[in-house]
Amino acid sequence: MTPSFGCLDSRRSTPSRQLGDPGPDEATLLRMLTSAVRVPDHGKRVPFRFLRIAGKARLALGERLVERALQRDADASAAVLDKDRHRFAHAPVVVAVIAGLGPDEKIPASERFSSASCVCFALLQAAQAAGFGAQWLTGWPAYDASVLRDLGLGADETITGFIHIGTPLIEVPERERPDARALLSDWEPA
């Protein structure tokens, strides 16, 4: 049997500004999420959850980001504010992948965060498999305590990524990728 790596080798990020309607419908999004949760999860903790940002909520979040940006820097330029206002406005669906990092006697927070990160990557793959484009972004909103509270995150939660999903408006060109051979070394016992 010859392995097929086509779906992995063709993965590309479509810039969020280049994602438009339509986005995945409810059934398709749930199917994508069903695939995305098939990740390594030490201790079966399911240390992640999803928050969908779609429709008018994308624009409302943009306005909240403008308010917060001005609180952070009263001299923020119009260009910076415009970027924040439209940060979530392009792709029709944005899924925030939220990592739960509360106390755990057996599984370190870093492993749980890694599991949530795998969900982000798997969701990118699932989106592309379903015929959509997607991009994994964070940016300052993913790390701002006020924004996290506005999004309803608990004190022991963090954003692993905002996955922007929609129909690609452009064909994304391939880019140069690292040479796996150059990155591989062998450990030898001393």
Protein backbone atom coordinates (compact mmCIF):
# COMPACT_ATOMS: atom_id res chain seq x y z
CA MET A 1 0.00 0.00 0.00
CA THR A 2 1.37 3.39 -0.98
CA PRO A 3 0.72 6.09 1.60
CA SER A 4 -1.13 9.19 0.46
CA PHE A 5 0.00 12.47 1.97
CA GLY A 6 -1.85 14.69 -0.50
CA CYS A 7 -4.18 16.33 2.01
CA LEU A 8 -1.26 17.08 4.33
CA ASP A 9 1.10 18.21 1.60
CA SER A 10 -1.44 20.56 0.05
CA ARG A 11 -2.32 22.39 3.27
CA ARG A 12 -2.10 26.16 3.00
CA SER A 13 -3.37 29.04 5.06
CA THR A 14 -5.70 31.42 3.27
CA PRO A 15 -5.26 34.92 4.71
CA SER A 16 -8.35 35.87 6.71
CA ARG A 17 -8.80 38.99 4.55
CA GLN A 18 -9.15 36.65 1.57
CA LEU A 19 -11.97 34.56 3.06
CA GLY A 20 -15.55 35.33 2.15
CA ASP A 21 -19.03 33.82 2.02
CA PRO A 22 -20.18 31.19 2.20
CA GLY A 23 -18.79 29.70 5.34
CA PRO A 24 -19.61 26.26 6.65
CA ASP A 25 -23.22 25.64 7.60
CA GLU A 26 -24.04 24.19 11.01
CA ALA A 27 -23.81 20.54 9.94
CA THR A 28 -20.53 21.05 8.09
CA LEU A 29 -18.99 22.99 10.96
CA LEU A 30 -19.97 20.27 13.43
CA ARG A 31 -18.48 17.64 11.11
CA MET A 32 -15.26 19.66 10.92
CA LEU A 33 -15.14 19.98 14.72
CA THR A 34 -15.78 16.24 15.06
CA SER A 35 -12.63 15.61 13.04
CA ALA A 36 -10.69 18.34 14.85
CA VAL A 37 -11.16 16.78 18.29
CA ARG A 38 -9.38 13.56 17.24
CA VAL A 39 -6.11 14.78 18.69
CA PRO A 40 -3.62 13.40 21.20
CA ASP A 41 -5.05 14.05 24.66
CA HIS A 42 -2.96 12.69 27.52
CA GLY A 43 -5.28 11.57 30.29
CA LYS A 44 -8.41 12.13 28.15
CA ARG A 45 -8.88 15.55 29.75
CA VAL A 46 -10.48 17.21 26.70
CA PRO A 47 -8.66 20.42 27.64
CA PHE A 48 -10.33 22.52 24.95
CA ARG A 49 -13.65 23.95 23.89
CA PHE A 50 -14.94 26.05 21.01
CA LEU A 51 -16.49 29.50 20.76
CA ARG A 52 -18.09 30.41 17.42
CA ILE A 53 -17.95 34.07 16.35
CA ALA A 54 -20.22 34.57 13.35
CA GLY A 55 -22.72 36.96 11.82
CA LYS A 56 -23.18 40.29 13.60
CA ALA A 57 -21.09 39.06 16.54
CA ARG A 58 -17.96 39.47 14.37
CA LEU A 59 -18.66 43.17 13.90
CA ALA A 60 -19.62 43.70 17.54
CA LEU A 61 -16.35 42.10 18.60
CA GLY A 62 -14.51 44.42 16.22
CA GLU A 63 -16.10 47.45 17.89
CA ARG A 64 -15.17 46.06 21.30
CA LEU A 65 -11.57 45.66 20.12
CA VAL A 66 -11.51 49.30 19.01
CA GLU A 67 -12.72 50.37 22.48
CA ARG A 68 -10.09 48.19 24.13
CA ALA A 69 -7.33 49.34 21.77
CA LEU A 70 -8.06 52.96 22.73
CA GLN A 71 -7.93 52.01 26.42
CA ARG A 72 -4.54 50.43 25.82
CA ASP A 73 -3.26 53.32 23.70
CA ALA A 74 -5.28 56.53 23.52
CA ASP A 75 -3.07 57.64 20.60
CA ALA A 76 -3.73 54.55 18.45
CA SER A 77 -3.73 55.49 14.78
CA ALA A 78 -6.78 55.28 12.56
CA ALA A 79 -5.08 52.46 10.65
CA VAL A 80 -4.56 50.43 13.83
CA LEU A 81 -8.17 50.99 14.89
CA ASP A 82 -9.45 50.07 11.44
CA LYS A 83 -7.44 46.83 11.53
CA ASP A 84 -8.94 45.95 14.91
CA ARG A 85 -12.45 46.91 13.79
CA HIS A 86 -12.22 44.49 10.86
CA ARG A 87 -10.06 41.82 12.50
CA PHE A 88 -12.99 39.36 12.63
CA ALA A 89 -15.12 40.80 9.81
CA HIS A 90 -13.74 38.98 6.75
CA ALA A 91 -14.25 35.25 7.26
CA PRO A 92 -17.90 34.35 7.80
CA VAL A 93 -17.05 32.03 10.70
CA VAL A 94 -14.32 32.32 13.30
CA VAL A 95 -13.87 29.53 15.81
CA ALA A 96 -11.94 30.38 18.94
CA VAL A 97 -10.22 27.29 20.28
CA ILE A 98 -10.01 27.71 24.04
CA ALA A 99 -7.59 25.74 26.18
CA GLY A 100 -8.48 24.80 29.74
CA LEU A 101 -5.37 25.00 31.89
CA GLY A 102 -6.67 24.71 35.45
CA PRO A 103 -5.03 22.60 38.15
CA ASP A 104 -4.33 18.99 37.24
CA GLU A 105 -2.24 16.66 39.39
CA LYS A 106 -1.19 14.40 36.52
CA ILE A 107 -1.19 16.27 33.21
CA PRO A 108 0.97 19.42 32.91
CA ALA A 109 -0.65 22.56 31.51
CA SER A 110 1.85 22.54 28.65
CA GLU A 111 0.56 19.15 27.46
CA ARG A 112 -3.04 20.33 27.67
CA PHE A 113 -2.20 23.48 25.73
CA SER A 114 -0.41 21.31 23.16
CA SER A 115 -3.57 19.23 22.79
CA ALA A 116 -5.61 22.38 22.13
CA SER A 117 -2.98 23.50 19.62
CA CYS A 118 -3.37 20.20 17.80
CA VAL A 119 -7.11 20.92 17.62
CA CYS A 120 -6.32 24.21 15.86
CA PHE A 121 -4.21 22.44 13.25
CA ALA A 122 -6.74 19.64 12.80
CA LEU A 123 -9.48 22.23 12.30
CA LEU A 124 -7.40 23.87 9.55
CA GLN A 125 -7.09 20.46 7.88
CA ALA A 126 -10.81 19.74 8.29
CA ALA A 127 -11.76 23.11 6.81
CA GLN A 128 -9.60 22.50 3.77
CA ALA A 129 -10.95 18.95 3.41
CA ALA A 130 -14.47 20.42 3.39
CA GLY A 131 -13.52 22.80 0.58
CA PHE A 132 -12.98 25.94 2.67
CA GLY A 133 -9.98 28.09 3.31
CA ALA A 134 -8.83 28.82 6.84
CA GLN A 135 -6.20 30.67 8.84
CA TRP A 136 -5.04 30.25 12.45
CA LEU A 137 -4.46 33.64 14.08
CA THR A 138 -3.97 34.99 17.57
CA GLY A 139 -2.86 38.63 17.83
CA TRP A 140 -3.14 40.80 20.91
CA PRO A 141 -6.85 39.99 21.52
CA ALA A 142 -5.88 36.39 22.34
CA TYR A 143 -3.74 37.61 25.25
CA ASP A 144 -5.72 40.56 26.57
CA ALA A 145 -7.46 39.80 29.89
CA SER A 146 -10.30 42.24 29.18
CA VAL A 147 -11.04 40.70 25.78
CA LEU A 148 -10.87 37.20 27.26
CA ARG A 149 -13.43 38.19 29.90
CA ASP A 150 -15.65 39.72 27.19
CA LEU A 151 -15.51 36.40 25.34
CA GLY A 152 -16.55 34.54 28.48
CA LEU A 153 -13.30 32.76 29.25
CA GLY A 154 -12.66 31.57 32.77
CA ALA A 155 -9.58 32.46 34.78
CA ASP A 156 -8.00 29.09 33.90
CA GLU A 157 -8.67 29.38 30.15
CA THR A 158 -6.75 30.92 27.28
CA ILE A 159 -7.17 31.32 23.53
CA THR A 160 -5.08 28.85 21.60
CA GLY A 161 -6.15 30.28 18.29
CA PHE A 162 -8.83 32.03 16.32
CA ILE A 163 -9.53 29.84 13.28
CA HIS A 164 -10.99 31.98 10.47
CA ILE A 165 -12.99 29.87 8.01
CA GLY A 166 -14.64 30.77 4.71
CA THR A 167 -14.53 30.46 0.96
CA PRO A 168 -11.15 31.46 -0.48
CA LEU A 169 -11.36 34.57 -2.65
CA ILE A 170 -7.93 33.84 -4.13
CA GLU A 171 -5.86 30.80 -4.93
CA VAL A 172 -3.13 30.78 -2.33
CA PRO A 173 0.28 30.15 -3.88
CA GLU A 174 2.59 27.55 -2.45
CA ARG A 175 5.43 28.94 -0.37
CA GLU A 176 8.85 27.57 0.36
CA ARG A 177 8.77 24.91 3.07
CA PRO A 178 11.58 23.72 5.32
CA ASP A 179 13.63 20.74 4.23
CA ALA A 180 12.70 17.91 6.60
CA ARG A 181 16.02 16.18 5.95
CA ALA A 182 17.91 19.25 7.18
CA LEU A 183 15.85 19.27 10.37
CA LEU A 184 16.38 15.59 11.19
CA SER A 185 19.23 14.36 13.33
CA ASP A 186 19.87 11.07 15.07
CA TRP A 187 20.62 10.63 18.72
CA GLU A 188 23.45 8.27 19.41
CA PRO A 189 24.30 6.97 22.87
CA ALA A 190 27.59 8.23 24.25
